[in-house]
Amino acid sequence: MNSISARPSPPPRPASTLMTLIAAATCVAMFHSGAIAQPSPPEAGEQAAKPTQSTAGDPSAAKPADDAAQVTKPDEPTKSEPVGKAGEEPPANAAAAADSVQTGNGTAATETLEADKPAAAEPSSSAAAQPAASEAAASNELNVATWSGAYGAAQRDAVIAGFTEKRSIPVNVIERKGADPINLMAQPGSALPDAAEFSGGEVEAGCKAGQLVKLEEGGKELIAPAIAEDFLPGSLKPCGIGAFAWSHVIAVNPGQFAKQQPGSLADAFDAKRFPGKRAFIKKARFLLEAALMADGAKAEEVYDLLGSAEGLERAFAKLDSIRDDIIWFDSAKAAMTAVSKGEAAAGQSFSGRAFFEVARGSPVDIIWDGQIYEMTYWAIPSNSPRQELARTFLKYATEPAQLVAVSQRFPYGPTRRSAIALTKRHHGTGLDVDGFLPTSPDNMKTALASDEAWWAENREAIDTAFAEWLARPPAKETEKAD
């Protein structure tokens, strides 16, 4: 039997045994109490951009196949680019969160820097399911949880509507803003989803707590070995199937550089060769990883380095080298706006937000070197009375045609190689999406997979160290005082 966990996410890096045990126990306890919030990837609520060029050239229509092994081109869009509700985005995944104090398990989507708070959204249809005595009795409908805004609209148009039509089964869509929790202890007859999107950290914690279904147990095979090879590393977990990746990137305003603009992460952290203000978000996560990679650390070394006093000081030293040029912001939206308006020459952003700035005609280029990505995953709550139907939905939602259709509506990166190759023009703007996908081969060359487990164990210590660094006088002032 093929194991769905054959391609695991990067393992947590070394931490003290006590910290690891406390973090694991806390995470499981929170799942048992239903307290962990499901985050949305950054920019999931991003407003769709108005078209800036012709949409001619979209792939020809092809009816999605039932067999996930068959690679097909996506259906032509039947609706215009979905417009997000007021507010902003993942993700991660993926995907979006709130520009407020982080909640839940601290995954990237719940970070304050990751996105603007989406407006509260009511379920698009009733999420309540009548109690059923058996799977057969309960299988006449399906409850599916996805995010509000443009990303959720893309999932509804490209996946849920197609599944409803193909299977003749009504699907109740449960929409949530970034910090809304999914109570995995809910019983059938409540608003418990039968299938839902989660961050990688949530999938792992829910799986350990026994509150998400292990997809390959009991002789069942959801993903055949040949198909598993089509998925990117880290996108198949025992309790979840990866769908999309979102990422942290550096956005650049070319007009702010007199000669040559930065082309790499190291360039973005070099204010001598590439002078100009940097719009950074006042949060440790993503910024410290980027600082280390800009200083020459390899992606596979980053979390080991951050876990040591020497590595942490190395990250702070890199930030010190451009500290006089940093403008601090509280949100990704504000930092991106500063870059697009020329108030800063370069700054932190997330892949979806940067794409929409480009689509709106803003003078923005993206540095993909050293991007930091997270994935969103489809999973099935153990309390669902419709697990077989939910498995059918998961298989359908992660087929190449459906992944392509979503990405061409909202530009997160598909987790399947065949889908990445087929993703072409964005349906609302006509832009070639391929260059904006976090999972495009060229964009993945120096990418770092964000380690949610590491952050869960080390967040408090790192955030404290970051706050202490912020409170220090700049290095130049210290030298003058000496």
Protein backbone atom coordinates (compact mmCIF):
# COMPACT_ATOMS: atom_id res chain seq x y z
CA MET A 1 0.00 0.00 0.00
CA ASN A 2 1.32 3.40 -0.89
CA SER A 3 1.93 5.67 2.08
CA ILE A 4 0.66 9.19 1.71
CA SER A 5 3.40 10.33 4.05
CA ALA A 6 6.17 9.25 1.69
CA ARG A 7 7.04 12.91 1.03
CA PRO A 8 7.01 14.55 4.46
CA SER A 9 7.43 18.23 5.23
CA PRO A 10 10.81 19.32 6.58
CA PRO A 11 11.10 18.01 10.17
CA PRO A 12 11.21 20.36 13.14
CA ARG A 13 14.71 21.55 13.90
CA PRO A 14 16.48 20.84 17.22
CA ALA A 15 14.95 22.47 20.29
CA SER A 16 15.12 21.61 23.93
CA THR A 17 13.28 18.46 24.93
CA LEU A 18 11.21 20.39 27.45
CA MET A 19 10.15 23.00 24.88
CA THR A 20 9.25 20.31 22.40
CA LEU A 21 7.13 18.37 24.90
CA ILE A 22 5.36 21.51 26.11
CA ALA A 23 4.64 22.69 22.56
CA ALA A 24 3.35 19.29 21.47
CA ALA A 25 1.16 18.89 24.53
CA THR A 26 -0.24 22.39 24.15
CA CYS A 27 -0.98 21.89 20.46
CA VAL A 28 -2.81 18.60 21.06
CA ALA A 29 -4.72 20.07 23.99
CA MET A 30 -5.85 23.01 21.88
CA PHE A 31 -7.11 20.68 19.19
CA HIS A 32 -9.01 18.62 21.73
CA SER A 33 -10.67 21.78 23.02
CA GLY A 34 -11.38 23.04 19.52
CA ALA A 35 -9.34 26.15 20.29
CA ILE A 36 -6.94 26.20 17.37
CA ALA A 37 -8.02 28.69 14.76
CA GLN A 38 -7.87 27.87 11.10
CA PRO A 39 -5.79 30.58 9.47
CA SER A 40 -6.25 31.77 5.93
CA PRO A 41 -3.26 32.32 3.66
CA PRO A 42 -2.09 35.94 3.14
CA GLU A 43 -4.12 37.89 0.60
CA ALA A 44 -6.95 35.34 0.40
CA GLY A 45 -9.35 38.25 0.73
CA GLU A 46 -7.41 40.36 -1.75
CA GLN A 47 -9.54 42.40 -4.11
CA ALA A 48 -9.30 41.07 -7.62
CA ALA A 49 -7.47 43.42 -9.96
CA LYS A 50 -9.13 45.01 -12.90
CA PRO A 51 -7.98 43.69 -16.28
CA THR A 52 -4.91 45.43 -17.67
CA GLN A 53 -4.62 43.47 -20.88
CA SER A 54 -6.56 41.06 -23.06
CA THR A 55 -7.52 37.66 -21.68
CA ALA A 56 -7.14 36.08 -25.08
CA GLY A 57 -4.95 33.05 -25.07
CA ASP A 58 -6.47 31.14 -22.17
CA PRO A 59 -5.99 27.37 -22.47
CA SER A 60 -8.63 25.60 -24.48
CA ALA A 61 -11.43 24.03 -22.51
CA ALA A 62 -11.17 20.42 -21.49
CA LYS A 63 -13.54 18.53 -19.25
CA PRO A 64 -11.85 17.48 -15.97
CA ALA A 65 -11.29 13.76 -15.72
CA ASP A 66 -12.41 11.64 -12.78
CA ASP A 67 -9.04 9.90 -12.73
CA ALA A 68 -6.53 12.19 -11.07
CA ALA A 69 -3.76 10.50 -13.02
CA GLN A 70 -5.08 11.95 -16.26
CA VAL A 71 -3.72 15.44 -16.89
CA THR A 72 -6.22 17.73 -18.54
CA LYS A 73 -6.43 21.40 -19.34
CA PRO A 74 -8.81 23.47 -17.22
CA ASP A 75 -12.35 24.37 -18.10
CA GLU A 76 -12.79 27.84 -19.55
CA PRO A 77 -14.02 30.25 -16.91
CA THR A 78 -17.75 30.75 -16.70
CA LYS A 79 -17.45 33.78 -14.43
CA SER A 80 -15.24 36.82 -14.28
CA GLU A 81 -12.39 37.06 -11.79
CA PRO A 82 -13.89 36.82 -8.31
CA VAL A 83 -13.75 39.97 -6.27
CA GLY A 84 -12.90 39.63 -2.60
CA LYS A 85 -15.03 41.10 0.09
CA ALA A 86 -13.89 44.29 1.76
CA GLY A 87 -10.66 43.67 3.55
CA GLU A 88 -7.63 41.54 2.84
CA GLU A 89 -5.99 38.34 3.03
CA PRO A 90 -3.41 33.43 2.90
CA PRO A 91 -1.24 31.69 3.18
CA ALA A 92 -0.06 30.25 3.24
CA ASN A 93 -0.78 29.37 3.28
CA ALA A 94 -2.13 29.10 0.29
CA ALA A 95 -3.07 31.46 1.40
CA ALA A 96 -4.28 34.94 4.91
CA ALA A 97 -4.73 36.33 8.17
CA ALA A 98 -5.41 39.44 10.10
CA ASP A 99 -3.33 42.54 10.65
CA SER A 100 -3.92 42.20 14.36
CA VAL A 101 -2.48 40.28 17.27
CA GLN A 102 -1.91 36.73 16.17
CA THR A 103 -4.28 34.06 17.33
CA GLY A 104 -4.56 30.30 17.17
CA ASN A 105 -1.46 28.19 16.83
CA GLY A 106 0.66 30.94 15.38
CA THR A 107 0.87 29.58 11.86
CA ALA A 108 1.83 32.04 9.18
CA ALA A 109 -1.73 32.71 8.24
CA THR A 110 -2.50 33.96 11.71
CA GLU A 111 0.54 36.22 11.83
CA THR A 112 -0.26 39.91 12.13
CA LEU A 113 2.04 40.63 9.21
CA GLU A 114 0.50 38.28 6.80
CA ALA A 115 -2.63 39.95 5.66
CA ASP A 116 -5.30 42.42 6.30
CA LYS A 117 -8.27 41.25 8.25
CA PRO A 118 -11.01 39.97 5.93
CA ALA A 119 -14.51 41.15 6.60
CA ALA A 120 -16.61 38.68 8.53
CA ALA A 121 -18.49 36.43 6.16
CA GLU A 122 -21.64 34.48 6.71
CA PRO A 123 -21.81 30.94 5.31
CA SER A 124 -22.85 31.10 1.68
CA SER A 125 -25.43 28.45 2.47
CA SER A 126 -26.52 26.72 5.60
CA ALA A 127 -23.67 24.72 7.07
CA ALA A 128 -25.89 22.70 9.36
CA ALA A 129 -26.14 19.03 8.55
CA GLN A 130 -28.89 16.80 9.91
CA PRO A 131 -27.67 13.94 12.12
CA ALA A 132 -27.34 10.71 10.22
CA ALA A 133 -27.20 7.13 11.43
CA SER A 134 -24.84 6.05 8.69
CA GLU A 135 -22.67 7.30 5.87
CA ALA A 136 -25.33 6.31 3.37
CA ALA A 137 -27.99 8.29 5.18
CA ALA A 138 -25.74 11.33 5.48
CA SER A 139 -24.22 11.34 1.98
CA ASN A 140 -26.91 13.41 0.27
CA GLU A 141 -24.93 16.61 0.87
CA LEU A 142 -21.45 17.79 1.83
CA ASN A 143 -20.17 20.57 4.10
CA VAL A 144 -16.93 22.14 2.81
CA ALA A 145 -14.98 24.86 4.60
CA THR A 146 -12.92 27.37 2.64
CA TRP A 147 -11.96 31.01 3.08
CA SER A 148 -13.92 34.10 2.18
CA GLY A 149 -12.78 36.67 -0.32
CA ALA A 150 -11.32 36.15 -3.77
CA TYR A 151 -9.50 32.92 -2.93
CA GLY A 152 -12.68 31.37 -1.54
CA ALA A 153 -14.60 32.57 -4.58
CA ALA A 154 -12.02 30.88 -6.81
CA GLN A 155 -12.49 27.61 -4.90
CA ARG A 156 -16.27 27.86 -5.19
CA ASP A 157 -16.24 28.66 -8.91
CA ALA A 158 -13.50 26.25 -9.98
CA VAL A 159 -13.93 23.33 -7.59
CA ILE A 160 -17.11 23.28 -5.56
CA ALA A 161 -19.48 24.21 -8.40
CA GLY A 162 -17.88 21.56 -10.61
CA PHE A 163 -18.13 18.88 -7.93
CA THR A 164 -21.78 19.74 -7.31
CA GLU A 165 -22.60 19.46 -11.01
CA LYS A 166 -20.55 16.33 -11.58
CA ARG A 167 -21.84 14.40 -8.57
CA SER A 168 -25.32 15.95 -8.33
CA ILE A 169 -24.68 16.48 -4.63
CA PRO A 170 -25.38 19.80 -2.92
CA VAL A 171 -22.37 21.34 -1.21
CA ASN A 172 -22.81 23.70 1.74
CA VAL A 173 -19.92 26.16 1.76
CA ILE A 174 -18.72 27.37 5.15
CA GLU A 175 -16.84 30.65 4.79
CA ARG A 176 -14.51 31.95 7.47
CA LYS A 177 -12.32 34.96 8.00
CA GLY A 178 -8.68 34.41 8.90
CA ALA A 179 -8.95 33.78 12.63
CA ASP A 180 -12.18 31.78 12.67
CA PRO A 181 -11.63 28.42 14.39
CA ILE A 182 -12.82 25.07 13.13
CA ASN A 183 -14.10 23.13 16.11
CA LEU A 184 -12.98 19.61 15.34
CA MET A 185 -14.84 18.34 18.38
CA ALA A 186 -18.18 19.39 16.90
CA GLN A 187 -20.66 16.58 16.41
CA PRO A 188 -22.64 15.74 13.26
CA GLY A 189 -25.67 17.97 13.08
CA SER A 190 -23.60 21.09 13.74
CA ALA A 191 -21.53 23.24 11.40
CA LEU A 192 -18.69 20.71 11.37
CA PRO A 193 -17.22 20.57 7.84
CA ASP A 194 -16.78 17.23 6.12
CA ALA A 195 -13.74 18.60 4.27
CA ALA A 196 -11.73 21.74 4.98
CA GLU A 197 -8.48 23.53 4.17
CA PHE A 198 -5.83 23.74 6.86
CA SER A 199 -2.26 24.92 7.25
CA GLY A 200 0.45 22.29 7.47
CA GLY A 201 0.89 22.83 11.19
CA GLU A 202 -2.81 22.40 11.83
CA VAL A 203 -2.92 19.20 9.82
CA GLU A 204 -0.03 17.72 11.78
CA ALA A 205 -1.49 18.72 15.15
CA GLY A 206 -4.98 17.51 14.25
CA CYS A 207 -3.59 14.25 13.00
CA LYS A 208 -1.66 13.66 16.24
CA ALA A 209 -4.79 14.44 18.24
CA GLY A 210 -6.79 11.90 16.22
CA GLN A 211 -9.20 14.57 15.05
CA LEU A 212 -8.36 14.37 11.36
CA VAL A 213 -8.75 11.23 9.25
CA LYS A 214 -5.62 9.34 8.22
CA LEU A 215 -6.21 9.07 4.52
CA GLU A 216 -4.29 5.86 3.76
CA GLU A 217 -5.32 3.62 6.65
CA GLY A 218 -7.56 0.55 6.53
CA GLY A 219 -6.34 -0.57 3.14
CA LYS A 220 -7.68 2.58 1.49
CA GLU A 221 -5.58 4.34 -1.09
CA LEU A 222 -6.52 7.91 -1.97
CA ILE A 223 -3.36 8.77 -3.87
CA ALA A 224 -1.91 6.05 -6.11
CA PRO A 225 1.91 5.73 -6.17
CA ALA A 226 2.16 7.03 -9.75
CA ILE A 227 0.08 10.07 -8.87
CA ALA A 228 2.02 10.72 -5.65
CA GLU A 229 5.10 11.37 -7.76
CA ASP A 230 3.27 14.32 -9.32
CA PHE A 231 3.02 16.11 -5.95
CA LEU A 232 5.77 18.40 -4.72
CA PRO A 233 7.81 17.37 -1.65
CA GLY A 234 5.98 18.14 1.57
CA SER A 235 2.53 18.28 -0.03
CA LEU A 236 1.37 14.82 1.06
CA LYS A 237 0.80 14.22 4.75
CA PRO A 238 -0.89 11.31 6.56
CA CYS A 239 -4.00 13.43 7.19
CA GLY A 240 -3.83 16.02 4.42
CA ILE A 241 -3.35 16.57 0.69
CA GLY A 242 -1.57 19.75 -0.36
CA ALA A 243 -3.46 22.07 -2.66
CA PHE A 244 -1.66 25.42 -2.97
CA ALA A 245 1.41 27.32 -1.82
CA TRP A 246 1.71 31.02 -1.02
CA SER A 247 4.94 32.74 -0.10
CA HIS A 248 6.83 35.64 1.42
CA VAL A 249 8.74 37.60 -1.23
CA ILE A 250 10.54 40.91 -1.70
CA ALA A 251 8.81 43.53 -3.85
CA VAL A 252 10.89 46.14 -5.69
CA ASN A 253 9.97 49.49 -7.26
CA PRO A 254 12.35 49.73 -10.28
CA GLY A 255 11.86 53.47 -10.60
CA GLN A 256 13.50 54.07 -7.23
CA PHE A 257 16.91 52.84 -8.40
CA ALA A 258 19.03 55.20 -10.48
CA LYS A 259 21.17 52.52 -12.09
CA GLN A 260 20.54 48.83 -11.46
CA GLN A 261 17.73 47.40 -9.36
CA PRO A 262 18.17 44.54 -6.86
CA GLY A 263 17.83 41.10 -8.41
CA SER A 264 18.49 38.84 -5.45
CA LEU A 265 17.68 38.63 -1.76
CA ALA A 266 21.26 39.65 -0.95
CA ASP A 267 20.83 42.72 -3.16
CA ALA A 268 17.65 43.69 -1.32
CA PHE A 269 19.61 43.75 1.95
CA ASP A 270 22.48 45.77 0.44
CA ALA A 271 21.63 49.47 0.76
CA LYS A 272 25.13 50.58 -0.27
CA ARG A 273 25.04 49.10 -3.75
CA PHE A 274 21.27 49.54 -4.04
CA PRO A 275 20.39 52.65 -2.01
CA GLY A 276 16.81 53.33 -0.99
CA LYS A 277 14.38 52.80 1.85
CA ARG A 278 13.23 49.29 2.78
CA ALA A 279 9.62 48.70 3.86
CA PHE A 280 9.79 45.95 6.47
CA ILE A 281 7.12 44.49 8.70
CA LYS A 282 7.85 44.72 12.40
CA LYS A 283 7.65 40.98 13.04
CA ALA A 284 10.39 38.39 13.44
CA ARG A 285 8.87 35.64 11.32
CA PHE A 286 9.92 35.70 7.67
CA LEU A 287 12.17 38.73 8.25
CA LEU A 288 14.81 36.82 10.22
CA GLU A 289 14.80 33.89 7.80
CA ALA A 290 15.23 36.34 4.92
CA ALA A 291 18.06 38.17 6.71
CA LEU A 292 20.00 34.95 7.20
CA MET A 293 19.57 33.88 3.57
CA ALA A 294 20.58 37.37 2.44
CA ASP A 295 23.75 36.89 4.50
CA GLY A 296 24.57 33.69 2.60
CA ALA A 297 22.90 30.99 4.70
CA LYS A 298 21.49 28.09 2.71
CA ALA A 299 17.78 27.33 3.04
CA GLU A 300 18.44 24.03 4.81
CA GLU A 301 20.56 25.81 7.43
CA VAL A 302 18.17 28.60 8.36
CA TYR A 303 16.24 27.11 11.27
CA ASP A 304 19.28 25.47 12.83
CA LEU A 305 20.97 28.88 12.75
CA LEU A 306 17.96 30.72 14.15
CA GLY A 307 17.87 28.21 16.98
CA SER A 308 21.35 29.22 18.12
CA ALA A 309 22.49 32.44 19.79
CA GLU A 310 25.19 32.90 17.15
CA GLY A 311 22.75 32.45 14.26
CA LEU A 312 20.23 34.83 15.77
CA GLU A 313 22.88 37.50 16.23
CA ARG A 314 23.95 36.93 12.63
CA ALA A 315 20.40 37.73 11.48
CA PHE A 316 20.32 40.86 13.65
CA ALA A 317 23.73 41.94 12.33
CA LYS A 318 22.39 41.72 8.79
CA LEU A 319 19.44 43.89 9.74
CA ASP A 320 21.81 46.32 11.48
CA SER A 321 23.65 46.75 8.17
CA ILE A 322 20.56 48.45 6.66
CA ARG A 323 18.83 49.64 9.82
CA ASP A 324 19.08 53.33 8.91
CA ASP A 325 17.19 52.59 5.70
CA ILE A 326 14.33 50.58 7.24
CA ILE A 327 10.81 51.98 7.47
CA TRP A 328 8.77 49.79 9.83
CA PHE A 329 5.17 48.83 9.09
CA ASP A 330 2.56 46.87 10.99
CA SER A 331 1.11 45.03 8.00
CA ALA A 332 2.00 43.53 4.66
CA LYS A 333 -0.56 45.77 2.99
CA ALA A 334 1.07 48.94 4.32
CA ALA A 335 4.56 47.78 3.32
CA MET A 336 3.41 46.88 -0.18
CA THR A 337 1.66 50.23 -0.57
CA ALA A 338 4.86 52.06 0.42
CA VAL A 339 6.79 50.23 -2.30
CA SER A 340 4.17 50.74 -5.01
CA LYS A 341 3.93 54.49 -4.21
CA GLY A 342 7.69 54.95 -4.18
CA GLU A 343 7.89 55.72 -0.48
CA ALA A 344 10.26 52.75 -0.24
CA ALA A 345 12.45 51.23 -2.91
CA ALA A 346 11.91 47.62 -1.80
CA GLY A 347 10.02 45.78 0.90
CA GLN A 348 8.41 42.65 2.24
CA SER A 349 5.27 41.31 0.61
CA PHE A 350 3.37 38.10 -0.05
CA SER A 351 3.05 36.50 -3.46
CA GLY A 352 -0.66 37.09 -4.01
CA ARG A 353 -0.56 40.72 -2.90
CA ALA A 354 2.45 41.44 -5.11
CA PHE A 355 0.71 39.86 -8.10
CA PHE A 356 -2.35 42.07 -7.71
CA GLU A 357 -0.16 45.17 -7.42
CA VAL A 358 1.45 44.26 -10.73
CA ALA A 359 -1.98 43.56 -12.22
CA ARG A 360 -3.20 47.00 -11.16
CA GLY A 361 -0.33 48.55 -13.08
CA SER A 362 1.82 49.45 -10.07
CA PRO A 363 5.58 49.73 -10.75
CA VAL A 364 6.47 46.53 -8.92
CA ASP A 365 8.85 43.66 -9.63
CA ILE A 366 9.18 40.55 -7.46
CA ILE A 367 12.38 38.99 -6.15
CA TRP A 368 11.69 35.26 -5.87
CA ASP A 369 15.20 34.42 -4.68
CA GLY A 370 14.86 33.20 -1.09
CA GLN A 371 11.07 33.11 -1.09
CA ILE A 372 9.59 31.46 2.02
CA TYR A 373 6.55 29.34 1.23
CA GLU A 374 3.78 27.51 3.04
CA MET A 375 1.12 25.14 1.77
CA THR A 376 -2.59 24.71 2.36
CA TYR A 377 -4.03 21.21 2.75
CA TRP A 378 -7.41 19.57 2.32
CA ALA A 379 -8.29 17.30 5.24
CA ILE A 380 -11.28 15.45 6.72
CA PRO A 381 -12.42 15.87 10.36
CA SER A 382 -12.73 12.51 12.12
CA ASN A 383 -16.24 13.36 13.35
CA SER A 384 -17.58 13.78 9.82
CA PRO A 385 -20.36 11.29 9.02
CA ARG A 386 -19.58 11.63 5.28
CA GLN A 387 -15.99 10.54 5.15
CA GLU A 388 -16.24 8.50 1.96
CA LEU A 389 -17.91 11.37 0.12
CA ALA A 390 -15.31 13.74 1.57
CA ARG A 391 -12.54 11.50 0.23
CA THR A 392 -14.13 11.73 -3.20
CA PHE A 393 -14.17 15.51 -2.88
CA LEU A 394 -10.50 15.65 -1.83
CA LYS A 395 -9.50 13.60 -4.83
CA TYR A 396 -11.52 15.85 -7.16
CA ALA A 397 -10.28 19.11 -5.58
CA THR A 398 -6.63 18.10 -6.04
CA GLU A 399 -6.85 16.88 -9.63
CA PRO A 400 -4.72 18.93 -12.07
CA ALA A 401 -7.68 20.52 -13.86
CA GLN A 402 -9.18 21.90 -10.66
CA LEU A 403 -5.84 23.13 -9.33
CA VAL A 404 -5.19 24.94 -12.61
CA ALA A 405 -8.63 26.51 -12.61
CA VAL A 406 -8.17 27.91 -9.10
CA SER A 407 -4.65 29.23 -9.80
CA GLN A 408 -5.85 31.02 -12.90
CA ARG A 409 -8.38 32.81 -10.74
CA PHE A 410 -6.17 33.39 -7.69
CA PRO A 411 -2.42 32.98 -8.26
CA TYR A 412 -1.29 30.60 -5.55
CA GLY A 413 1.00 27.79 -6.65
CA PRO A 414 -0.48 24.33 -7.32
CA THR A 415 1.23 21.49 -5.46
CA ARG A 416 1.19 19.17 -8.51
CA ARG A 417 3.82 19.44 -11.21
CA SER A 418 1.36 18.68 -14.00
CA ALA A 419 -0.93 21.51 -12.83
CA ILE A 420 1.94 23.98 -12.63
CA ALA A 421 2.83 23.24 -16.26
CA LEU A 422 -0.76 23.86 -17.39
CA THR A 423 -1.40 27.09 -15.50
CA LYS A 424 -1.37 29.95 -18.00
CA ARG A 425 -3.24 33.25 -18.02
CA HIS A 426 -5.02 34.81 -15.09
CA HIS A 427 -8.74 34.99 -15.85
CA GLY A 428 -9.29 38.53 -14.62
CA THR A 429 -6.20 40.33 -15.88
CA GLY A 430 -4.78 38.38 -18.81
CA LEU A 431 -1.37 38.28 -17.13
CA ASP A 432 0.76 35.18 -17.58
CA VAL A 433 0.39 33.54 -14.16
CA ASP A 434 3.31 31.13 -14.45
CA GLY A 435 5.93 33.66 -13.41
CA PHE A 436 3.91 34.57 -10.31
CA LEU A 437 3.38 31.07 -8.92
CA PRO A 438 5.44 30.21 -5.84
CA THR A 439 5.70 26.62 -7.07
CA SER A 440 7.00 27.43 -10.56
CA PRO A 441 10.33 25.62 -11.00
CA ASP A 442 12.31 28.83 -11.49
CA ASN A 443 10.79 30.39 -8.38
CA MET A 444 11.51 27.32 -6.25
CA LYS A 445 15.25 27.15 -6.93
CA THR A 446 16.30 28.89 -3.70
CA ALA A 447 13.01 28.66 -1.81
CA LEU A 448 12.72 27.92 1.90
CA ALA A 449 9.83 25.86 3.27
CA SER A 450 8.56 27.68 6.34
CA ASP A 451 8.80 25.43 9.39
CA GLU A 452 5.60 25.91 11.39
CA ALA A 453 6.60 23.34 13.99
CA TRP A 454 9.84 25.20 14.67
CA TRP A 455 8.01 28.48 15.11
CA ALA A 456 5.45 26.87 17.42
CA GLU A 457 8.32 25.76 19.69
CA ASN A 458 10.47 28.86 19.47
CA ARG A 459 8.14 31.78 18.78
CA GLU A 460 8.14 33.27 22.27
CA ALA A 461 11.93 33.25 22.60
CA ILE A 462 12.49 34.62 19.10
CA ASP A 463 9.86 37.34 19.44
CA THR A 464 11.41 38.41 22.75
CA ALA A 465 14.89 38.55 21.19
CA PHE A 466 13.51 40.54 18.25
CA ALA A 467 11.85 43.05 20.58
CA GLU A 468 15.11 43.43 22.47
CA TRP A 469 16.97 44.04 19.21
CA LEU A 470 14.45 46.70 18.21
CA ALA A 471 15.04 48.42 21.54
CA ARG A 472 18.80 48.51 21.05
CA PRO A 473 20.34 51.73 19.75
CA PRO A 474 21.49 51.33 16.15
CA ALA A 475 24.99 49.90 15.82
CA LYS A 476 26.40 53.23 14.50
CA GLU A 477 25.06 55.12 17.51
CA THR A 478 26.65 52.54 19.82
CA GLU A 479 30.02 53.01 18.09
CA LYS A 480 29.79 56.81 18.48
CA ALA A 481 28.97 56.43 22.18
CA ASP A 482 32.05 54.26 22.65
